[in-house]
Amino acid sequence: MSPRTGRPKAENPKTKQLGVRLDKETLAKLDTLTEYYEETRVAVLRRGIEKLFSELKK
């Protein structure tokens, strides 16, 4: 028998899903950031959360 096939298990799987409602201006800002950093919307949001959280600890 061959070992299991498919994608390897993630080290930190993203199992929680969150829906967000944004106005046009905020979405435009988010899209500007995604273009600047060449990342997805989710990656930019995660970066923002980490930045705000690190400032909270100071």
Protein backbone atom coordinates (compact mmCIF):
# COMPACT_ATOMS: atom_id res chain seq x y z
CA MET A 1 0.00 0.00 0.00
CA SER A 2 1.14 3.53 -0.73
CA PRO A 3 1.13 6.18 2.00
CA ARG A 4 -1.71 8.68 2.24
CA THR A 5 -1.92 11.00 -0.72
CA GLY A 6 -3.07 14.59 -0.92
CA ARG A 7 -1.96 17.84 0.60
CA PRO A 8 0.13 17.68 3.76
CA LYS A 9 -1.53 18.80 6.98
CA ALA A 10 -0.97 22.46 7.80
CA GLU A 11 1.07 23.36 10.84
CA ASN A 12 -1.56 25.88 11.97
CA PRO A 13 -4.81 25.12 10.11
CA LYS A 14 -7.29 27.95 9.62
CA THR A 15 -10.52 26.32 10.81
CA LYS A 16 -12.54 29.40 11.81
CA GLN A 17 -14.39 31.47 9.22
CA LEU A 18 -15.36 35.11 9.65
CA GLY A 19 -17.67 37.23 7.51
CA VAL A 20 -17.06 40.97 7.30
CA ARG A 21 -19.17 43.78 5.89
CA LEU A 22 -17.25 46.80 4.60
CA ASP A 23 -18.30 50.10 3.08
CA LYS A 24 -16.96 51.10 -0.33
CA GLU A 25 -14.23 53.37 1.04
CA THR A 26 -12.83 50.76 3.43
CA LEU A 27 -12.90 48.09 0.73
CA ALA A 28 -11.06 50.45 -1.62
CA LYS A 29 -8.39 50.99 1.05
CA LEU A 30 -8.08 47.24 1.55
CA ASP A 31 -7.71 46.66 -2.17
CA THR A 32 -5.06 49.39 -2.37
CA LEU A 33 -3.11 47.63 0.38
CA THR A 34 -3.43 44.26 -1.39
CA GLU A 35 -1.96 45.76 -4.56
CA TYR A 36 0.85 47.52 -2.68
CA TYR A 37 1.91 44.48 -0.63
CA GLU A 38 1.02 41.99 -3.41
CA GLU A 39 -0.90 39.85 -0.91
CA THR A 40 -4.44 38.61 -0.61
CA ARG A 41 -7.10 40.50 1.30
CA VAL A 42 -6.95 37.91 4.06
CA ALA A 43 -3.17 38.23 4.37
CA VAL A 44 -3.44 42.02 4.66
CA LEU A 45 -6.14 41.68 7.33
CA ARG A 46 -4.02 39.19 9.28
CA ARG A 47 -1.04 41.57 9.03
CA GLY A 48 -3.19 44.40 10.39
CA ILE A 49 -4.45 42.29 13.28
CA GLU A 50 -0.89 41.28 14.22
CA LYS A 51 0.31 44.89 14.04
CA LEU A 52 -2.51 46.18 16.26
CA PHE A 53 -2.03 43.30 18.70
CA SER A 54 1.71 43.97 18.99
CA GLU A 55 0.97 47.66 19.72
CA LEU A 56 -1.48 46.59 22.44
CA LYS A 57 1.27 44.72 24.29
CA LYS A 58 3.52 47.82 24.44
